[in-house]
Amino acid sequence: MEEKTPDLAGIEKEIELATEAADTSESLRAVRMGYLGKGGKIPSLMKSLKDVAPDMRPAFGKAVNGLRERAEELFAAAEAKLRSKEMQARYERERIDVTLPGRQRKKGAYHPDTLIIDELVSVFAGMGFEIYEGREIETDYYNFTALNTPKDHPARDMQDTFYLGADFLLRTQTSAGQVHVMESKQPPIKILSPGKVYRPDDDATHSPMFSQMEGLVVDRGITLCDLKGMLDEFAKKVFGGNVKTRLRPSYFPFTEPSVEVDVSCFECGGKGCKLCKGTGWIEVLGAGMVNRAVLKNCGIDPDEYTGFAFGMGIERIAMLKYGINNMKLLFEGDVCFSKQFRA
């Protein structure tokens, strides 16, 4: 019984209908694999050539090859048509109306603390200061003892310091970094130490965490006049060229003599206003000559070297300069507040 010859014309018609029905490149690829893939219909026809009568094999083989070529043409045409269609759909999807107004990107803003720190670093770097960033977790020795703070001083109380154990605490002042510097480096020393400090305070003008910036100068022949001259320059650069400074006697364990530093009110020019509470002066920082005991604790001969130190609250300077009336605004992350300081 003779084997029936496959209907090649029918297969070609199937391919035509299948390529027309394919509406995506993926579906067309699946159809192609069904007819031209390794296990597809046309390769199977070539494998069945051995079952065809010898005298009919040449004609059958030629016909199958013709079918393969015709299938390749159909698939190529369908692929080109689909690619054009899909590209057009993508163009429509991604089309941009160039007549529409552009989208405005919102600009970020520096935090007031960052602005003040950058400004202060620039001012003091111009006077030859180097930057030193100390550690936020300190020992009792570096935070208090080395700075000549007595054992019964109120600052050591639990309600004024965050203790982490018997010997460790969150630093209450960046002055601790000055001790590290003086222990590791011999004079001349001229450093500025900004950083976070921690105290259990929380109200409109205080925060449990805030920023300080300490300065230290140690060398031969340093006097209180050098401190006054440097503070005059600082005040003029930060608060305006007409601002004056004055020193008032005070007390800090690590400086002797110690002073509170005021600047003439930059809002009213010293006449008296709400900002300066009618006095014409605004307190901005504490300072003084480094106590001889502190120099000794750090291995520096107080008979040969003298020095001065000063410290200021970054948030306080920011509040004064930018008219901020509540310290909590500096920590809430309110975008409406921050964007006021956009450059």
C-alpha atoms as a PDB file:
ATOM      1  CA  MET A   1       0.000   0.000   0.000  1.00  0.00           C
ATOM      2  CA  GLU A   2       1.449   3.344  -1.080  1.00  0.00           C
ATOM      3  CA  GLU A   3       2.066   6.029   1.543  1.00  0.00           C
ATOM      4  CA  LYS A   4       0.070   9.184   0.945  1.00  0.00           C
ATOM      5  CA  THR A   5       2.202  12.182  -0.070  1.00  0.00           C
ATOM      6  CA  PRO A   6       1.869  15.114   2.396  1.00  0.00           C
ATOM      7  CA  ASP A   7      -0.253  18.030   1.199  1.00  0.00           C
ATOM      8  CA  LEU A   8       2.480  20.699   0.864  1.00  0.00           C
ATOM      9  CA  ALA A   9       0.049  23.250  -0.588  1.00  0.00           C
ATOM     10  CA  GLY A  10      -2.202  22.780   2.426  1.00  0.00           C
ATOM     11  CA  ILE A  11       0.746  23.322   4.792  1.00  0.00           C
ATOM     12  CA  GLU A  12       1.660  26.509   2.936  1.00  0.00           C
ATOM     13  CA  LYS A  13      -1.936  27.727   3.332  1.00  0.00           C
ATOM     14  CA  GLU A  14      -1.750  26.932   7.058  1.00  0.00           C
ATOM     15  CA  ILE A  15       1.397  29.025   7.362  1.00  0.00           C
ATOM     16  CA  GLU A  16      -0.242  31.952   5.523  1.00  0.00           C
ATOM     17  CA  LEU A  17      -3.247  31.891   7.848  1.00  0.00           C
ATOM     18  CA  ALA A  18      -1.091  31.457  10.987  1.00  0.00           C
ATOM     19  CA  THR A  19       1.209  34.378  10.120  1.00  0.00           C
ATOM     20  CA  GLU A  20      -1.786  36.600   9.427  1.00  0.00           C
ATOM     21  CA  ALA A  21      -3.371  35.648  12.754  1.00  0.00           C
ATOM     22  CA  ALA A  22      -0.205  36.338  14.802  1.00  0.00           C
ATOM     23  CA  ASP A  23      -0.612  39.781  16.384  1.00  0.00           C
ATOM     24  CA  THR A  24       2.639  39.993  18.368  1.00  0.00           C
ATOM     25  CA  SER A  25       6.280  39.139  17.760  1.00  0.00           C
ATOM     26  CA  GLU A  26       6.081  36.508  20.513  1.00  0.00           C
ATOM     27  CA  SER A  27       3.084  34.713  18.971  1.00  0.00           C
ATOM     28  CA  LEU A  28       4.731  34.863  15.511  1.00  0.00           C
ATOM     29  CA  ARG A  29       7.902  33.359  16.962  1.00  0.00           C
ATOM     30  CA  ALA A  30       5.869  30.495  18.398  1.00  0.00           C
ATOM     31  CA  VAL A  31       4.242  29.834  15.002  1.00  0.00           C
ATOM     32  CA  ARG A  32       7.644  29.915  13.285  1.00  0.00           C
ATOM     33  CA  MET A  33       9.042  27.350  15.712  1.00  0.00           C
ATOM     34  CA  GLY A  34       6.045  25.117  14.976  1.00  0.00           C
ATOM     35  CA  TYR A  35       6.859  25.035  11.266  1.00  0.00           C
ATOM     36  CA  LEU A  36      10.599  25.722  10.958  1.00  0.00           C
ATOM     37  CA  GLY A  37      11.938  24.829  14.415  1.00  0.00           C
ATOM     38  CA  LYS A  38      13.957  21.712  15.122  1.00  0.00           C
ATOM     39  CA  GLY A  39      10.860  19.608  15.667  1.00  0.00           C
ATOM     40  CA  GLY A  40       8.636  21.630  13.313  1.00  0.00           C
ATOM     41  CA  LYS A  41       6.526  20.366  10.441  1.00  0.00           C
ATOM     42  CA  ILE A  42       8.923  21.231   7.575  1.00  0.00           C
ATOM     43  CA  PRO A  43      12.049  19.648   9.152  1.00  0.00           C
ATOM     44  CA  SER A  44       9.864  16.575   9.851  1.00  0.00           C
ATOM     45  CA  LEU A  45       8.979  16.416   6.149  1.00  0.00           C
ATOM     46  CA  MET A  46      12.667  16.325   5.282  1.00  0.00           C
ATOM     47  CA  LYS A  47      13.180  13.462   7.739  1.00  0.00           C
ATOM     48  CA  SER A  48      10.324  11.543   6.080  1.00  0.00           C
ATOM     49  CA  LEU A  49      12.129  11.692   2.697  1.00  0.00           C
ATOM     50  CA  LYS A  50      13.478   8.149   3.256  1.00  0.00           C
ATOM     51  CA  ASP A  51       9.920   6.850   3.260  1.00  0.00           C
ATOM     52  CA  VAL A  52       9.153   8.310  -0.192  1.00  0.00           C
ATOM     53  CA  ALA A  53       9.538   6.104  -3.288  1.00  0.00           C
ATOM     54  CA  PRO A  54      13.054   6.456  -4.725  1.00  0.00           C
ATOM     55  CA  ASP A  55      11.852   7.795  -8.056  1.00  0.00           C
ATOM     56  CA  MET A  56       9.779  10.496  -6.286  1.00  0.00           C
ATOM     57  CA  ARG A  57      12.422  11.655  -3.795  1.00  0.00           C
ATOM     58  CA  PRO A  58      14.056  14.348  -5.978  1.00  0.00           C
ATOM     59  CA  ALA A  59      10.730  16.031  -6.743  1.00  0.00           C
ATOM     60  CA  PHE A  60       9.529  15.696  -3.163  1.00  0.00           C
ATOM     61  CA  GLY A  61      12.763  17.085  -1.749  1.00  0.00           C
ATOM     62  CA  LYS A  62      12.624  20.001  -4.139  1.00  0.00           C
ATOM     63  CA  ALA A  63       9.025  20.690  -3.211  1.00  0.00           C
ATOM     64  CA  VAL A  64       9.821  20.633   0.523  1.00  0.00           C
ATOM     65  CA  ASN A  65      12.753  23.037   0.024  1.00  0.00           C
ATOM     66  CA  GLY A  66      10.429  25.314  -1.962  1.00  0.00           C
ATOM     67  CA  LEU A  67       7.952  25.180   0.914  1.00  0.00           C
ATOM     68  CA  ARG A  68      10.745  26.077   3.373  1.00  0.00           C
ATOM     69  CA  GLU A  69      11.739  29.096   1.229  1.00  0.00           C
ATOM     70  CA  ARG A  70       8.119  30.188   0.919  1.00  0.00           C
ATOM     71  CA  ALA A  71       7.651  29.822   4.699  1.00  0.00           C
ATOM     72  CA  GLU A  72      10.779  31.901   5.355  1.00  0.00           C
ATOM     73  CA  GLU A  73       9.378  34.648   3.077  1.00  0.00           C
ATOM     74  CA  LEU A  74       6.006  34.600   4.818  1.00  0.00           C
ATOM     75  CA  PHE A  75       7.556  34.757   8.287  1.00  0.00           C
ATOM     76  CA  ALA A  76       9.973  37.535   7.252  1.00  0.00           C
ATOM     77  CA  ALA A  77       7.152  39.617   5.797  1.00  0.00           C
ATOM     78  CA  ALA A  78       4.943  39.054   8.844  1.00  0.00           C
ATOM     79  CA  GLU A  79       7.841  39.900  11.190  1.00  0.00           C
ATOM     80  CA  ALA A  80       8.562  43.145   9.333  1.00  0.00           C
ATOM     81  CA  LYS A  81       4.891  44.079   9.452  1.00  0.00           C
ATOM     82  CA  LEU A  82       4.601  43.353  13.175  1.00  0.00           C
ATOM     83  CA  ARG A  83       7.851  45.178  13.980  1.00  0.00           C
ATOM     84  CA  SER A  84       6.559  48.255  12.175  1.00  0.00           C
ATOM     85  CA  LYS A  85       3.222  47.987  13.975  1.00  0.00           C
ATOM     86  CA  GLU A  86       4.836  47.574  17.399  1.00  0.00           C
ATOM     87  CA  MET A  87       7.270  50.398  16.782  1.00  0.00           C
ATOM     88  CA  GLN A  88       4.397  52.679  15.846  1.00  0.00           C
ATOM     89  CA  ALA A  89       2.543  51.664  19.007  1.00  0.00           C
ATOM     90  CA  ARG A  90       5.671  52.426  21.045  1.00  0.00           C
ATOM     91  CA  TYR A  91       5.990  55.823  19.403  1.00  0.00           C
ATOM     92  CA  GLU A  92       2.385  56.560  20.298  1.00  0.00           C
ATOM     93  CA  ARG A  93       2.981  55.393  23.859  1.00  0.00           C
ATOM     94  CA  GLU A  94       6.118  57.449  24.331  1.00  0.00           C
ATOM     95  CA  ARG A  95       5.110  60.458  22.316  1.00  0.00           C
ATOM     96  CA  ILE A  96       5.820  63.755  24.065  1.00  0.00           C
ATOM     97  CA  ASP A  97       3.898  66.905  23.429  1.00  0.00           C
ATOM     98  CA  VAL A  98       6.701  69.447  23.134  1.00  0.00           C
ATOM     99  CA  THR A  99       4.173  72.281  23.360  1.00  0.00           C
ATOM    100  CA  LEU A 100       3.379  71.403  26.996  1.00  0.00           C
ATOM    101  CA  PRO A 101       5.131  73.430  29.693  1.00  0.00           C
ATOM    102  CA  GLY A 102       8.196  71.724  31.165  1.00  0.00           C
ATOM    103  CA  ARG A 103       8.063  69.979  34.517  1.00  0.00           C
ATOM    104  CA  GLN A 104       9.740  72.017  37.210  1.00  0.00           C
ATOM    105  CA  ARG A 105      12.028  70.057  39.492  1.00  0.00           C
ATOM    106  CA  LYS A 106      11.989  71.153  43.092  1.00  0.00           C
ATOM    107  CA  LYS A 107      15.316  72.286  44.434  1.00  0.00           C
ATOM    108  CA  GLY A 108      16.593  71.015  47.743  1.00  0.00           C
ATOM    109  CA  ALA A 109      17.804  73.281  50.518  1.00  0.00           C
ATOM    110  CA  TYR A 110      20.626  73.141  53.023  1.00  0.00           C
ATOM    111  CA  HIS A 111      19.703  72.766  56.668  1.00  0.00           C
ATOM    112  CA  PRO A 112      20.388  75.958  58.681  1.00  0.00           C
ATOM    113  CA  ASP A 113      22.904  74.026  60.807  1.00  0.00           C
ATOM    114  CA  THR A 114      24.802  73.016  57.675  1.00  0.00           C
ATOM    115  CA  LEU A 115      24.842  76.603  56.432  1.00  0.00           C
ATOM    116  CA  ILE A 116      26.204  77.864  59.762  1.00  0.00           C
ATOM    117  CA  ILE A 117      28.812  75.099  60.063  1.00  0.00           C
ATOM    118  CA  ASP A 118      30.042  75.713  56.511  1.00  0.00           C
ATOM    119  CA  GLU A 119      30.227  79.445  57.147  1.00  0.00           C
ATOM    120  CA  LEU A 120      32.090  79.052  60.458  1.00  0.00           C
ATOM    121  CA  VAL A 121      34.531  76.524  59.010  1.00  0.00           C
ATOM    122  CA  SER A 122      35.227  78.937  56.161  1.00  0.00           C
ATOM    123  CA  VAL A 123      35.764  81.854  58.557  1.00  0.00           C
ATOM    124  CA  PHE A 124      38.095  80.001  60.924  1.00  0.00           C
ATOM    125  CA  ALA A 125      39.914  78.100  58.166  1.00  0.00           C
ATOM    126  CA  GLY A 126      40.769  81.532  56.793  1.00  0.00           C
ATOM    127  CA  MET A 127      42.450  82.214  60.145  1.00  0.00           C
ATOM    128  CA  GLY A 128      44.529  79.025  59.946  1.00  0.00           C
ATOM    129  CA  PHE A 129      42.404  76.607  61.956  1.00  0.00           C
ATOM    130  CA  GLU A 130      42.413  72.866  61.170  1.00  0.00           C
ATOM    131  CA  ILE A 131      39.278  70.737  61.553  1.00  0.00           C
ATOM    132  CA  TYR A 132      39.171  67.915  64.097  1.00  0.00           C
ATOM    133  CA  GLU A 133      36.114  65.684  64.526  1.00  0.00           C
ATOM    134  CA  GLY A 134      36.104  63.864  67.842  1.00  0.00           C
ATOM    135  CA  ARG A 135      34.135  60.852  69.056  1.00  0.00           C
ATOM    136  CA  GLU A 136      30.550  61.141  70.319  1.00  0.00           C
ATOM    137  CA  ILE A 137      30.951  58.403  72.943  1.00  0.00           C
ATOM    138  CA  GLU A 138      33.531  59.552  75.474  1.00  0.00           C
ATOM    139  CA  THR A 139      34.959  58.436  78.790  1.00  0.00           C
ATOM    140  CA  ASP A 140      34.336  60.324  81.982  1.00  0.00           C
ATOM    141  CA  TYR A 141      38.029  61.239  82.000  1.00  0.00           C
ATOM    142  CA  TYR A 142      38.053  63.058  78.651  1.00  0.00           C
ATOM    143  CA  ASN A 143      34.633  64.658  79.065  1.00  0.00           C
ATOM    144  CA  PHE A 144      35.141  65.865  82.649  1.00  0.00           C
ATOM    145  CA  THR A 145      38.309  64.965  84.572  1.00  0.00           C
ATOM    146  CA  ALA A 146      40.893  66.068  82.008  1.00  0.00           C
ATOM    147  CA  LEU A 147      38.956  69.331  81.605  1.00  0.00           C
ATOM    148  CA  ASN A 148      39.370  70.110  85.317  1.00  0.00           C
ATOM    149  CA  THR A 149      35.715  69.436  86.162  1.00  0.00           C
ATOM    150  CA  PRO A 150      35.410  68.603  89.883  1.00  0.00           C
ATOM    151  CA  LYS A 151      33.836  65.319  90.960  1.00  0.00           C
ATOM    152  CA  ASP A 152      30.954  67.196  92.641  1.00  0.00           C
ATOM    153  CA  HIS A 153      30.287  69.507  89.684  1.00  0.00           C
ATOM    154  CA  PRO A 154      26.554  69.613  88.708  1.00  0.00           C
ATOM    155  CA  ALA A 155      27.401  68.798  85.068  1.00  0.00           C
ATOM    156  CA  ARG A 156      28.327  65.272  86.176  1.00  0.00           C
ATOM    157  CA  ASP A 157      24.858  64.610  87.608  1.00  0.00           C
ATOM    158  CA  MET A 158      22.627  61.995  85.989  1.00  0.00           C
ATOM    159  CA  GLN A 159      20.036  64.636  85.094  1.00  0.00           C
ATOM    160  CA  ASP A 160      22.632  66.577  83.070  1.00  0.00           C
ATOM    161  CA  THR A 161      24.502  63.743  81.305  1.00  0.00           C
ATOM    162  CA  PHE A 162      23.564  60.636  79.326  1.00  0.00           C
ATOM    163  CA  TYR A 163      25.649  57.902  80.966  1.00  0.00           C
ATOM    164  CA  LEU A 164      26.206  54.627  79.114  1.00  0.00           C
ATOM    165  CA  GLY A 165      27.816  52.883  82.054  1.00  0.00           C
ATOM    166  CA  ALA A 166      30.274  53.538  84.835  1.00  0.00           C
ATOM    167  CA  ASP A 167      32.953  55.066  82.587  1.00  0.00           C
ATOM    168  CA  PHE A 168      31.285  55.879  79.262  1.00  0.00           C
ATOM    169  CA  LEU A 169      28.825  58.626  78.280  1.00  0.00           C
ATOM    170  CA  LEU A 170      27.516  60.629  75.349  1.00  0.00           C
ATOM    171  CA  ARG A 171      29.749  63.668  75.247  1.00  0.00           C
ATOM    172  CA  THR A 172      28.212  66.826  76.688  1.00  0.00           C
ATOM    173  CA  GLN A 173      30.682  69.121  74.921  1.00  0.00           C
ATOM    174  CA  THR A 174      33.093  68.960  72.013  1.00  0.00           C
ATOM    175  CA  SER A 175      35.840  70.225  74.353  1.00  0.00           C
ATOM    176  CA  ALA A 176      36.685  66.558  74.963  1.00  0.00           C
ATOM    177  CA  GLY A 177      38.194  66.485  71.473  1.00  0.00           C
ATOM    178  CA  GLN A 178      40.618  69.238  72.461  1.00  0.00           C
ATOM    179  CA  VAL A 179      42.117  66.953  75.118  1.00  0.00           C
ATOM    180  CA  HIS A 180      42.713  64.217  72.531  1.00  0.00           C
ATOM    181  CA  VAL A 181      44.476  66.720  70.271  1.00  0.00           C
ATOM    182  CA  MET A 182      46.672  68.159  73.037  1.00  0.00           C
ATOM    183  CA  GLU A 183      47.652  64.650  74.159  1.00  0.00           C
ATOM    184  CA  SER A 184      48.723  63.616  70.658  1.00  0.00           C
ATOM    185  CA  LYS A 185      50.214  66.837  69.343  1.00  0.00           C
ATOM    186  CA  GLN A 186      52.646  69.350  70.749  1.00  0.00           C
ATOM    187  CA  PRO A 187      52.045  73.118  70.255  1.00  0.00           C
ATOM    188  CA  PRO A 188      51.526  75.100  68.169  1.00  0.00           C
ATOM    189  CA  ILE A 189      47.903  73.876  68.042  1.00  0.00           C
ATOM    190  CA  LYS A 190      45.076  75.597  66.212  1.00  0.00           C
ATOM    191  CA  ILE A 191      41.988  73.435  65.763  1.00  0.00           C
ATOM    192  CA  LEU A 192      38.251  73.753  65.260  1.00  0.00           C
ATOM    193  CA  SER A 193      36.068  70.868  66.448  1.00  0.00           C
ATOM    194  CA  PRO A 194      32.427  70.733  65.306  1.00  0.00           C
ATOM    195  CA  GLY A 195      30.057  67.923  66.251  1.00  0.00           C
ATOM    196  CA  LYS A 196      26.965  66.618  68.004  1.00  0.00           C
ATOM    197  CA  VAL A 197      26.668  66.771  71.794  1.00  0.00           C
ATOM    198  CA  TYR A 198      24.035  65.407  74.175  1.00  0.00           C
ATOM    199  CA  ARG A 199      22.347  66.758  77.297  1.00  0.00           C
ATOM    200  CA  PRO A 200      18.966  65.938  78.916  1.00  0.00           C
ATOM    201  CA  ASP A 201      17.332  69.280  77.982  1.00  0.00           C
ATOM    202  CA  ASP A 202      14.116  69.664  76.006  1.00  0.00           C
ATOM    203  CA  ASP A 203      12.218  72.922  75.519  1.00  0.00           C
ATOM    204  CA  ALA A 204      11.788  75.704  72.941  1.00  0.00           C
ATOM    205  CA  THR A 205      15.463  76.705  73.164  1.00  0.00           C
ATOM    206  CA  HIS A 206      17.077  73.360  74.109  1.00  0.00           C
ATOM    207  CA  SER A 207      17.286  69.886  72.600  1.00  0.00           C
ATOM    208  CA  PRO A 208      18.650  66.578  73.964  1.00  0.00           C
ATOM    209  CA  MET A 209      20.940  66.511  70.928  1.00  0.00           C
ATOM    210  CA  PHE A 210      22.456  69.624  69.411  1.00  0.00           C
ATOM    211  CA  SER A 211      25.588  70.810  67.622  1.00  0.00           C
ATOM    212  CA  GLN A 212      28.567  72.631  69.026  1.00  0.00           C
ATOM    213  CA  MET A 213      31.752  74.037  67.611  1.00  0.00           C
ATOM    214  CA  GLU A 214      34.822  74.387  69.820  1.00  0.00           C
ATOM    215  CA  GLY A 215      38.029  76.166  68.990  1.00  0.00           C
ATOM    216  CA  LEU A 216      41.455  75.808  70.587  1.00  0.00           C
ATOM    217  CA  VAL A 217      44.726  77.707  70.158  1.00  0.00           C
ATOM    218  CA  VAL A 218      47.858  76.788  72.128  1.00  0.00           C
ATOM    219  CA  ASP A 219      51.275  78.343  71.567  1.00  0.00           C
ATOM    220  CA  ARG A 220      53.871  80.503  73.220  1.00  0.00           C
ATOM    221  CA  GLY A 221      52.712  83.995  74.196  1.00  0.00           C
ATOM    222  CA  ILE A 222      48.975  83.531  73.570  1.00  0.00           C
ATOM    223  CA  THR A 223      46.913  86.121  75.502  1.00  0.00           C
ATOM    224  CA  LEU A 224      43.307  87.162  76.041  1.00  0.00           C
ATOM    225  CA  CYS A 225      43.928  89.954  73.513  1.00  0.00           C
ATOM    226  CA  ASP A 226      44.488  87.301  70.823  1.00  0.00           C
ATOM    227  CA  LEU A 227      41.154  85.753  71.748  1.00  0.00           C
ATOM    228  CA  LYS A 228      39.392  89.138  71.570  1.00  0.00           C
ATOM    229  CA  GLY A 229      40.913  89.941  68.177  1.00  0.00           C
ATOM    230  CA  MET A 230      39.899  86.573  66.731  1.00  0.00           C
ATOM    231  CA  LEU A 231      36.326  86.907  68.076  1.00  0.00           C
ATOM    232  CA  ASP A 232      36.043  90.404  66.574  1.00  0.00           C
ATOM    233  CA  GLU A 233      36.903  88.949  63.175  1.00  0.00           C
ATOM    234  CA  PHE A 234      34.453  86.061  63.642  1.00  0.00           C
ATOM    235  CA  ALA A 235      31.587  88.407  64.607  1.00  0.00           C
ATOM    236  CA  LYS A 236      32.137  90.718  61.646  1.00  0.00           C
ATOM    237  CA  LYS A 237      32.251  87.848  59.159  1.00  0.00           C
ATOM    238  CA  VAL A 238      29.150  86.090  60.518  1.00  0.00           C
ATOM    239  CA  PHE A 239      26.886  88.916  61.754  1.00  0.00           C
ATOM    240  CA  GLY A 240      28.032  91.926  59.737  1.00  0.00           C
ATOM    241  CA  GLY A 241      30.908  94.394  59.480  1.00  0.00           C
ATOM    242  CA  ASN A 242      29.492  96.860  62.034  1.00  0.00           C
ATOM    243  CA  VAL A 243      29.091  94.313  64.831  1.00  0.00           C
ATOM    244  CA  LYS A 244      31.192  94.755  67.968  1.00  0.00           C
ATOM    245  CA  THR A 245      32.097  92.240  70.658  1.00  0.00           C
ATOM    246  CA  ARG A 246      32.441  92.491  74.411  1.00  0.00           C
ATOM    247  CA  LEU A 247      33.738  90.071  77.036  1.00  0.00           C
ATOM    248  CA  ARG A 248      32.025  89.563  80.403  1.00  0.00           C
ATOM    249  CA  PRO A 249      33.642  87.675  83.308  1.00  0.00           C
ATOM    250  CA  SER A 250      32.306  84.152  83.789  1.00  0.00           C
ATOM    251  CA  TYR A 251      33.381  80.745  85.072  1.00  0.00           C
ATOM    252  CA  PHE A 252      34.200  77.454  83.319  1.00  0.00           C
ATOM    253  CA  PRO A 253      36.303  74.729  84.964  1.00  0.00           C
ATOM    254  CA  PHE A 254      38.567  74.355  81.926  1.00  0.00           C
ATOM    255  CA  THR A 255      39.404  78.043  81.371  1.00  0.00           C
ATOM    256  CA  GLU A 256      40.844  80.738  83.642  1.00  0.00           C
ATOM    257  CA  PRO A 257      40.013  83.539  83.237  1.00  0.00           C
ATOM    258  CA  SER A 258      36.658  82.676  81.616  1.00  0.00           C
ATOM    259  CA  VAL A 259      34.387  85.026  79.686  1.00  0.00           C
ATOM    260  CA  GLU A 260      30.953  85.165  78.114  1.00  0.00           C
ATOM    261  CA  VAL A 261      31.092  86.766  74.683  1.00  0.00           C
ATOM    262  CA  ASP A 262      28.391  89.166  73.481  1.00  0.00           C
ATOM    263  CA  VAL A 263      27.945  90.808  70.090  1.00  0.00           C
ATOM    264  CA  SER A 264      26.196  94.118  69.551  1.00  0.00           C
ATOM    265  CA  CYS A 265      22.666  93.500  68.286  1.00  0.00           C
ATOM    266  CA  PHE A 266      22.796  93.187  64.506  1.00  0.00           C
ATOM    267  CA  GLU A 267      19.026  93.704  64.324  1.00  0.00           C
ATOM    268  CA  CYS A 268      18.799  97.156  65.948  1.00  0.00           C
ATOM    269  CA  GLY A 269      22.447  98.222  65.845  1.00  0.00           C
ATOM    270  CA  GLY A 270      22.674  98.237  69.630  1.00  0.00           C
ATOM    271  CA  LYS A 271      19.700 100.532  70.257  1.00  0.00           C
ATOM    272  CA  GLY A 272      17.575  97.880  71.925  1.00  0.00           C
ATOM    273  CA  CYS A 273      14.913  95.616  70.408  1.00  0.00           C
ATOM    274  CA  LYS A 274      12.988  92.387  70.980  1.00  0.00           C
ATOM    275  CA  LEU A 275      15.875  90.218  69.767  1.00  0.00           C
ATOM    276  CA  CYS A 276      18.388  91.660  72.240  1.00  0.00           C
ATOM    277  CA  LYS A 277      15.680  92.146  74.926  1.00  0.00           C
ATOM    278  CA  GLY A 278      16.340  95.869  74.958  1.00  0.00           C
ATOM    279  CA  THR A 279      19.994  95.544  76.037  1.00  0.00           C
ATOM    280  CA  GLY A 280      21.661  96.145  72.676  1.00  0.00           C
ATOM    281  CA  TRP A 281      23.793  93.007  73.182  1.00  0.00           C
ATOM    282  CA  ILE A 282      23.358  89.296  72.392  1.00  0.00           C
ATOM    283  CA  GLU A 283      25.265  86.476  74.082  1.00  0.00           C
ATOM    284  CA  VAL A 284      26.761  84.122  71.473  1.00  0.00           C
ATOM    285  CA  LEU A 285      29.433  81.954  73.092  1.00  0.00           C
ATOM    286  CA  GLY A 286      31.700  81.155  76.036  1.00  0.00           C
ATOM    287  CA  ALA A 287      35.489  81.347  75.995  1.00  0.00           C
ATOM    288  CA  GLY A 288      38.601  81.886  78.077  1.00  0.00           C
ATOM    289  CA  MET A 289      42.271  81.107  78.568  1.00  0.00           C
ATOM    290  CA  VAL A 290      42.983  77.364  78.851  1.00  0.00           C
ATOM    291  CA  ASN A 291      43.326  76.454  82.531  1.00  0.00           C
ATOM    292  CA  ARG A 292      46.870  75.550  83.573  1.00  0.00           C
ATOM    293  CA  ALA A 293      45.551  72.314  85.075  1.00  0.00           C
ATOM    294  CA  VAL A 294      44.114  71.272  81.699  1.00  0.00           C
ATOM    295  CA  LEU A 295      47.449  71.912  79.961  1.00  0.00           C
ATOM    296  CA  LYS A 296      49.220  69.824  82.636  1.00  0.00           C
ATOM    297  CA  ASN A 297      46.702  66.993  82.258  1.00  0.00           C
ATOM    298  CA  CYS A 298      47.519  66.878  78.540  1.00  0.00           C
ATOM    299  CA  GLY A 299      51.295  66.898  79.032  1.00  0.00           C
ATOM    300  CA  ILE A 300      51.856  70.522  77.964  1.00  0.00           C
ATOM    301  CA  ASP A 301      54.052  72.761  80.134  1.00  0.00           C
ATOM    302  CA  PRO A 302      51.840  75.702  81.279  1.00  0.00           C
ATOM    303  CA  ASP A 303      54.960  77.749  82.097  1.00  0.00           C
ATOM    304  CA  GLU A 304      56.034  77.599  78.461  1.00  0.00           C
ATOM    305  CA  TYR A 305      52.710  77.573  76.621  1.00  0.00           C
ATOM    306  CA  THR A 306      49.367  79.327  76.980  1.00  0.00           C
ATOM    307  CA  GLY A 307      46.205  79.057  74.979  1.00  0.00           C
ATOM    308  CA  PHE A 308      42.603  80.062  74.595  1.00  0.00           C
ATOM    309  CA  ALA A 309      39.455  78.061  73.896  1.00  0.00           C
ATOM    310  CA  PHE A 310      35.940  78.998  72.832  1.00  0.00           C
ATOM    311  CA  GLY A 311      32.708  77.130  72.209  1.00  0.00           C
ATOM    312  CA  MET A 312      29.384  77.995  70.627  1.00  0.00           C
ATOM    313  CA  GLY A 313      26.074  76.276  69.929  1.00  0.00           C
ATOM    314  CA  ILE A 314      25.443  75.936  66.190  1.00  0.00           C
ATOM    315  CA  GLU A 315      21.664  75.977  66.657  1.00  0.00           C
ATOM    316  CA  ARG A 316      21.908  79.146  68.749  1.00  0.00           C
ATOM    317  CA  ILE A 317      23.895  80.927  66.048  1.00  0.00           C
ATOM    318  CA  ALA A 318      21.406  79.701  63.426  1.00  0.00           C
ATOM    319  CA  MET A 319      18.421  80.856  65.485  1.00  0.00           C
ATOM    320  CA  LEU A 320      19.947  84.299  65.989  1.00  0.00           C
ATOM    321  CA  LYS A 321      21.082  84.788  62.410  1.00  0.00           C
ATOM    322  CA  TYR A 322      17.919  83.488  60.724  1.00  0.00           C
ATOM    323  CA  GLY A 323      15.335  84.668  63.265  1.00  0.00           C
ATOM    324  CA  ILE A 324      14.190  81.152  64.267  1.00  0.00           C
ATOM    325  CA  ASN A 325      12.129  81.325  67.464  1.00  0.00           C
ATOM    326  CA  ASN A 326      11.797  77.625  68.279  1.00  0.00           C
ATOM    327  CA  MET A 327      14.712  75.216  68.317  1.00  0.00           C
ATOM    328  CA  LYS A 328      12.435  72.248  67.550  1.00  0.00           C
ATOM    329  CA  LEU A 329      11.966  73.573  64.019  1.00  0.00           C
ATOM    330  CA  LEU A 330      15.584  72.617  63.358  1.00  0.00           C
ATOM    331  CA  PHE A 331      14.859  68.945  64.092  1.00  0.00           C
ATOM    332  CA  GLU A 332      11.384  68.326  62.661  1.00  0.00           C
ATOM    333  CA  GLY A 333      12.396  67.981  59.000  1.00  0.00           C
ATOM    334  CA  ASP A 334       9.549  70.213  57.780  1.00  0.00           C
ATOM    335  CA  VAL A 335      10.113  70.910  54.077  1.00  0.00           C
ATOM    336  CA  CYS A 336       8.181  74.181  54.277  1.00  0.00           C
ATOM    337  CA  PHE A 337      10.646  75.317  56.939  1.00  0.00           C
ATOM    338  CA  SER A 338      13.751  74.074  55.135  1.00  0.00           C
ATOM    339  CA  LYS A 339      12.945  75.635  51.760  1.00  0.00           C
ATOM    340  CA  GLN A 340      13.229  79.103  53.302  1.00  0.00           C
ATOM    341  CA  PHE A 341      16.998  78.542  53.360  1.00  0.00           C
ATOM    342  CA  ARG A 342      17.281  77.591  49.696  1.00  0.00           C
ATOM    343  CA  ALA A 343      20.274  79.261  48.080  1.00  0.00           C
END
